[in-house]
Amino acid sequence: MATVSRVRRQLPSSPWLFAAPGLLIAGVFVLYPFFSTLTNSFTDRRTLIPGEFVGLANFREMLHDDMFWIGLRNSTLYVLGVVPALVVLPLLLALLVRKNIPGITFFRAAFYTPVVASIVVVGLIWVWLLDERGLVNSLLETVGAGRVGFLSDQWLLLLSAMAVTVWKGLGYYMIIYLAALAGVPRELHEAAAVDGAGAVRRFLTVTVPAVRSTMVLVAALSSVAAFKVFSEVYLMAGPSGGPAGEDTTLVMLVQRTGTGLTGRVGYASALSVVVFAVTVVLMLLVLRADRKEVRT
């Protein structure tokens, strides 16, 4: 103890020395880009032109920008389509793979493999599968069904991208649920079984309440990730955002608007601020719903 006290007297700032690398990285790669984007959102800056202060002009322009509303619509639909699946399906999957049955180790590895695979590789594989001349359409044609425009129809393309997101995220959220299920006392299930509760009733009355906080966490993480989706839709729809750009998401619009030698950095920054604000609102809504359920 005396040695520790002597070190503290000699180096009163030693805790900050240990924290300095992390603070430096956060400052350079998180705080500075955040405040720079916030500042640029109030200017008409372009890639090679510093720009001038224009106040809320960029945000007013959004209200009359059809592509902004298309991007907002698609990002919102993505959240509504992906989040419920990523909250429920990984939980069911976790209940399955935690059972000690022959061959379950193989399935655990198989379900988690998409998580570690590159999203570019995953996207290209699904593009090859769903293309007009891909494997899925070839099989449909073999059984007598017509070819389906998975990548040419506006809504089918968006649904296909959602399916890829769910498929890739199942294993990640399954691991989170497995950790939560490990803390559920077995005695609760045994007591419910003694009372005559079947598997479905035990799931609804024992498992779901026990992992409710984890479900809230998964809902928050998946909703933010879904609203900021880029890679899946970009790879399947292309840089143009699908037919007539109808599958463009907000993050794709940010990338398209703010890049290139003539990129409108100011307007893209304003779009980024809106994306950030919506993701914060999504998280607050999820947490508020959780607190309201706890009170009731």
Foldseek 3Di string as FASTA:
>chain_A
DVVVVVVCVVCVCVVCVVCVVVVVCCVVPPVVVLVVLVVLLQFQDAPPRRTDGNGCPLVVVLVVDPLNVLQQVLLVVLLVLQLVLLLPVLLVVLVVLVDPDPPSVVVLCVQQVLQPDDLLVLLVVLLQCLPQPHDVQVVCVVVPHHRDPCLADLVSVSVSLSVSVNSSCSSVLNVLSNVQVVPQDPVLVVVCVVVPDDPVRCCVPRVCVSCVVSSLVSSLVSSLCSSLDDSNQCSRQPLCCHDNNSNHHLNSVLVVQRDDNGHRSNSSSSSVVVSVVVSVVSNVVSVVVVVVVVVD
